[in-house]
Amino acid sequence: MHGELEVSLKGDVPRAFRWRGKSYAVLEILEVWRDTGRWWEEEAPKLFFRLRTAGGGLWEIYRDEARGTWHLYKVYD
């Protein structure tokens, strides 16, 4: 996990996020899925989004469903 994000939503869908002081506009949601987390360790479920941003970036971000916080999971080169 790579840190907490500030996410702007339209409804329940990310439309932009801020990471390391830079803003990224979401152009396309490619995939959405729910992960139960490590329930045996009492980890909260997560809602994942694989998305493409302006400039061609491919990212995976998720919302911790217990805390309501957003996090970066993966950046593709």
N, C-alpha and C. Protein backbone atom coordinates (compact mmCIF):
# COMPACT_ATOMS: atom_id res chain seq x y z
N MET A 1 0.84 -1.16 0.00
CA MET A 1 0.00 0.00 0.00
C MET A 1 0.90 1.24 0.00
N HIS A 2 0.48 2.24 -0.74
CA HIS A 2 1.35 3.39 -0.97
C HIS A 2 0.89 4.69 -0.35
N GLY A 3 -0.09 4.68 0.50
CA GLY A 3 -0.47 5.91 1.17
C GLY A 3 -1.90 6.36 0.90
N GLU A 4 -2.33 7.27 1.76
CA GLU A 4 -3.70 7.76 1.70
C GLU A 4 -3.84 8.83 0.61
N LEU A 5 -5.01 8.86 -0.02
CA LEU A 5 -5.31 9.79 -1.11
C LEU A 5 -6.45 10.71 -0.75
N GLU A 6 -6.47 11.90 -1.35
CA GLU A 6 -7.64 12.76 -1.36
C GLU A 6 -8.36 12.46 -2.66
N VAL A 7 -9.62 12.07 -2.59
CA VAL A 7 -10.36 11.67 -3.79
C VAL A 7 -11.61 12.53 -3.94
N SER A 8 -11.83 13.04 -5.16
CA SER A 8 -13.06 13.75 -5.50
C SER A 8 -13.99 12.77 -6.19
N LEU A 9 -15.23 12.73 -5.75
CA LEU A 9 -16.19 11.76 -6.25
C LEU A 9 -17.31 12.42 -7.05
N LYS A 10 -17.88 11.65 -7.94
CA LYS A 10 -19.16 11.99 -8.57
C LYS A 10 -20.05 10.81 -8.23
N GLY A 11 -20.95 11.01 -7.28
CA GLY A 11 -21.68 9.88 -6.71
C GLY A 11 -20.70 9.08 -5.87
N ASP A 12 -20.55 7.80 -6.19
CA ASP A 12 -19.60 6.94 -5.48
C ASP A 12 -18.37 6.62 -6.33
N VAL A 13 -18.20 7.34 -7.45
CA VAL A 13 -17.15 7.02 -8.41
C VAL A 13 -16.05 8.09 -8.38
N PRO A 14 -14.79 7.68 -8.27
CA PRO A 14 -13.69 8.65 -8.29
C PRO A 14 -13.62 9.40 -9.62
N ARG A 15 -13.49 10.72 -9.55
CA ARG A 15 -13.34 11.55 -10.74
C ARG A 15 -11.99 12.24 -10.78
N ALA A 16 -11.33 12.34 -9.62
CA ALA A 16 -9.98 12.91 -9.52
C ALA A 16 -9.41 12.49 -8.17
N PHE A 17 -8.08 12.51 -8.08
CA PHE A 17 -7.44 12.25 -6.80
C PHE A 17 -6.14 13.02 -6.72
N ARG A 18 -5.66 13.19 -5.51
CA ARG A 18 -4.43 13.91 -5.25
C ARG A 18 -3.48 12.97 -4.54
N TRP A 19 -2.25 12.88 -5.09
CA TRP A 19 -1.23 12.01 -4.51
C TRP A 19 0.11 12.70 -4.62
N ARG A 20 0.83 12.74 -3.50
CA ARG A 20 2.15 13.39 -3.43
C ARG A 20 2.12 14.81 -3.98
N GLY A 21 1.07 15.55 -3.64
CA GLY A 21 0.97 16.94 -4.01
C GLY A 21 0.52 17.22 -5.43
N LYS A 22 0.22 16.18 -6.19
CA LYS A 22 -0.20 16.36 -7.58
C LYS A 22 -1.62 15.83 -7.77
N SER A 23 -2.41 16.54 -8.59
CA SER A 23 -3.78 16.11 -8.89
C SER A 23 -3.83 15.32 -10.19
N TYR A 24 -4.70 14.31 -10.21
CA TYR A 24 -4.87 13.46 -11.38
C TYR A 24 -6.36 13.37 -11.70
N ALA A 25 -6.72 13.70 -12.93
CA ALA A 25 -8.11 13.59 -13.38
C ALA A 25 -8.35 12.18 -13.91
N VAL A 26 -9.44 11.57 -13.49
CA VAL A 26 -9.79 10.23 -13.94
C VAL A 26 -10.51 10.33 -15.28
N LEU A 27 -9.97 9.67 -16.29
CA LEU A 27 -10.59 9.66 -17.62
C LEU A 27 -11.53 8.48 -17.80
N GLU A 28 -11.15 7.34 -17.19
CA GLU A 28 -11.91 6.11 -17.44
C GLU A 28 -11.76 5.15 -16.27
N ILE A 29 -12.88 4.58 -15.85
CA ILE A 29 -12.87 3.49 -14.86
C ILE A 29 -12.82 2.20 -15.67
N LEU A 30 -11.78 1.41 -15.48
CA LEU A 30 -11.60 0.19 -16.26
C LEU A 30 -12.21 -1.03 -15.58
N GLU A 31 -12.17 -1.03 -14.26
CA GLU A 31 -12.67 -2.19 -13.53
C GLU A 31 -12.97 -1.78 -12.09
N VAL A 32 -13.98 -2.40 -11.50
CA VAL A 32 -14.35 -2.17 -10.10
C VAL A 32 -14.57 -3.54 -9.47
N TRP A 33 -14.02 -3.74 -8.27
CA TRP A 33 -14.25 -5.00 -7.56
C TRP A 33 -14.12 -4.79 -6.06
N ARG A 34 -14.73 -5.70 -5.34
CA ARG A 34 -14.70 -5.70 -3.88
C ARG A 34 -13.80 -6.83 -3.42
N ASP A 35 -12.99 -6.53 -2.40
CA ASP A 35 -12.11 -7.53 -1.80
C ASP A 35 -12.45 -7.62 -0.32
N THR A 36 -12.56 -8.83 0.18
CA THR A 36 -12.95 -9.01 1.58
C THR A 36 -11.82 -8.68 2.54
N GLY A 37 -10.60 -8.53 2.04
CA GLY A 37 -9.47 -8.26 2.93
C GLY A 37 -9.10 -9.51 3.71
N ARG A 38 -8.15 -9.37 4.57
CA ARG A 38 -7.73 -10.50 5.42
C ARG A 38 -8.67 -10.57 6.62
N TRP A 39 -9.86 -11.11 6.37
CA TRP A 39 -10.90 -11.13 7.40
C TRP A 39 -10.44 -11.85 8.66
N TRP A 40 -9.55 -12.83 8.50
CA TRP A 40 -9.06 -13.58 9.66
C TRP A 40 -8.17 -12.71 10.55
N GLU A 41 -7.70 -11.57 10.01
CA GLU A 41 -6.94 -10.60 10.78
C GLU A 41 -7.78 -9.35 11.07
N GLU A 42 -9.10 -9.47 10.83
CA GLU A 42 -10.06 -8.40 11.05
C GLU A 42 -9.80 -7.18 10.17
N GLU A 43 -9.22 -7.42 8.98
CA GLU A 43 -9.02 -6.35 8.02
C GLU A 43 -10.36 -6.03 7.35
N ALA A 44 -10.61 -4.75 7.14
CA ALA A 44 -11.87 -4.31 6.55
C ALA A 44 -11.94 -4.63 5.06
N PRO A 45 -13.15 -4.83 4.53
CA PRO A 45 -13.33 -4.98 3.08
C PRO A 45 -12.90 -3.70 2.35
N LYS A 46 -12.53 -3.88 1.09
CA LYS A 46 -12.07 -2.75 0.28
C LYS A 46 -12.81 -2.75 -1.05
N LEU A 47 -13.06 -1.55 -1.56
CA LEU A 47 -13.65 -1.38 -2.87
C LEU A 47 -12.57 -0.83 -3.79
N PHE A 48 -12.16 -1.63 -4.77
CA PHE A 48 -11.06 -1.28 -5.67
C PHE A 48 -11.56 -0.69 -6.98
N PHE A 49 -10.76 0.22 -7.53
CA PHE A 49 -10.99 0.80 -8.85
C PHE A 49 -9.68 0.73 -9.64
N ARG A 50 -9.72 0.14 -10.80
CA ARG A 50 -8.60 0.25 -11.74
C ARG A 50 -9.01 1.34 -12.72
N LEU A 51 -8.17 2.37 -12.86
CA LEU A 51 -8.57 3.52 -13.66
C LEU A 51 -7.42 4.09 -14.47
N ARG A 52 -7.80 4.86 -15.48
CA ARG A 52 -6.85 5.56 -16.34
C ARG A 52 -7.01 7.05 -16.10
N THR A 53 -5.87 7.74 -16.00
CA THR A 53 -5.90 9.18 -15.76
C THR A 53 -5.42 9.94 -16.99
N ALA A 54 -5.68 11.25 -16.99
CA ALA A 54 -5.18 12.12 -18.06
C ALA A 54 -3.66 11.95 -18.10
N GLY A 55 -3.10 11.86 -19.27
CA GLY A 55 -1.67 11.62 -19.41
C GLY A 55 -1.34 10.15 -19.58
N GLY A 56 -2.36 9.29 -19.48
CA GLY A 56 -2.17 7.87 -19.76
C GLY A 56 -1.80 6.99 -18.58
N GLY A 57 -1.82 7.52 -17.36
CA GLY A 57 -1.48 6.70 -16.20
C GLY A 57 -2.52 5.63 -15.92
N LEU A 58 -2.07 4.47 -15.45
CA LEU A 58 -2.95 3.37 -15.06
C LEU A 58 -2.72 3.10 -13.58
N TRP A 59 -3.79 3.17 -12.80
CA TRP A 59 -3.71 3.14 -11.34
C TRP A 59 -4.72 2.15 -10.77
N GLU A 60 -4.43 1.66 -9.57
CA GLU A 60 -5.42 0.95 -8.75
C GLU A 60 -5.50 1.69 -7.42
N ILE A 61 -6.71 2.13 -7.10
CA ILE A 61 -6.95 2.76 -5.81
C ILE A 61 -8.08 2.01 -5.12
N TYR A 62 -8.17 2.17 -3.81
CA TYR A 62 -9.28 1.50 -3.10
C TYR A 62 -9.77 2.36 -1.95
N ARG A 63 -11.01 2.08 -1.58
CA ARG A 63 -11.63 2.71 -0.41
C ARG A 63 -11.74 1.68 0.69
N ASP A 64 -11.16 1.98 1.84
CA ASP A 64 -11.31 1.14 3.03
C ASP A 64 -12.74 1.34 3.51
N GLU A 65 -13.55 0.30 3.41
CA GLU A 65 -14.97 0.45 3.68
C GLU A 65 -15.31 0.66 5.15
N ALA A 66 -14.43 0.29 6.05
CA ALA A 66 -14.69 0.52 7.47
C ALA A 66 -14.38 1.96 7.86
N ARG A 67 -13.30 2.50 7.32
CA ARG A 67 -12.85 3.85 7.68
C ARG A 67 -13.33 4.92 6.71
N GLY A 68 -13.67 4.52 5.48
CA GLY A 68 -14.07 5.48 4.47
C GLY A 68 -12.90 6.24 3.86
N THR A 69 -11.68 5.76 4.09
CA THR A 69 -10.49 6.41 3.55
C THR A 69 -10.09 5.79 2.22
N TRP A 70 -9.42 6.60 1.39
CA TRP A 70 -8.95 6.16 0.07
C TRP A 70 -7.44 5.98 0.09
N HIS A 71 -6.98 4.95 -0.66
CA HIS A 71 -5.56 4.62 -0.67
C HIS A 71 -5.12 4.22 -2.07
N LEU A 72 -3.85 4.49 -2.35
CA LEU A 72 -3.23 4.01 -3.58
C LEU A 72 -2.77 2.58 -3.35
N TYR A 73 -3.11 1.69 -4.26
CA TYR A 73 -2.67 0.30 -4.16
C TYR A 73 -1.55 0.00 -5.15
N LYS A 74 -1.71 0.45 -6.41
CA LYS A 74 -0.73 0.11 -7.42
C LYS A 74 -0.71 1.17 -8.52
N VAL A 75 0.49 1.43 -9.05
CA VAL A 75 0.67 2.28 -10.22
C VAL A 75 1.35 1.43 -11.26
N TYR A 76 0.79 1.41 -12.48
CA TYR A 76 1.41 0.66 -13.58
C TYR A 76 2.30 1.60 -14.38
N ASP A 77 3.45 1.11 -14.78
CA ASP A 77 4.37 1.90 -15.63
C ASP A 77 3.94 1.85 -17.07
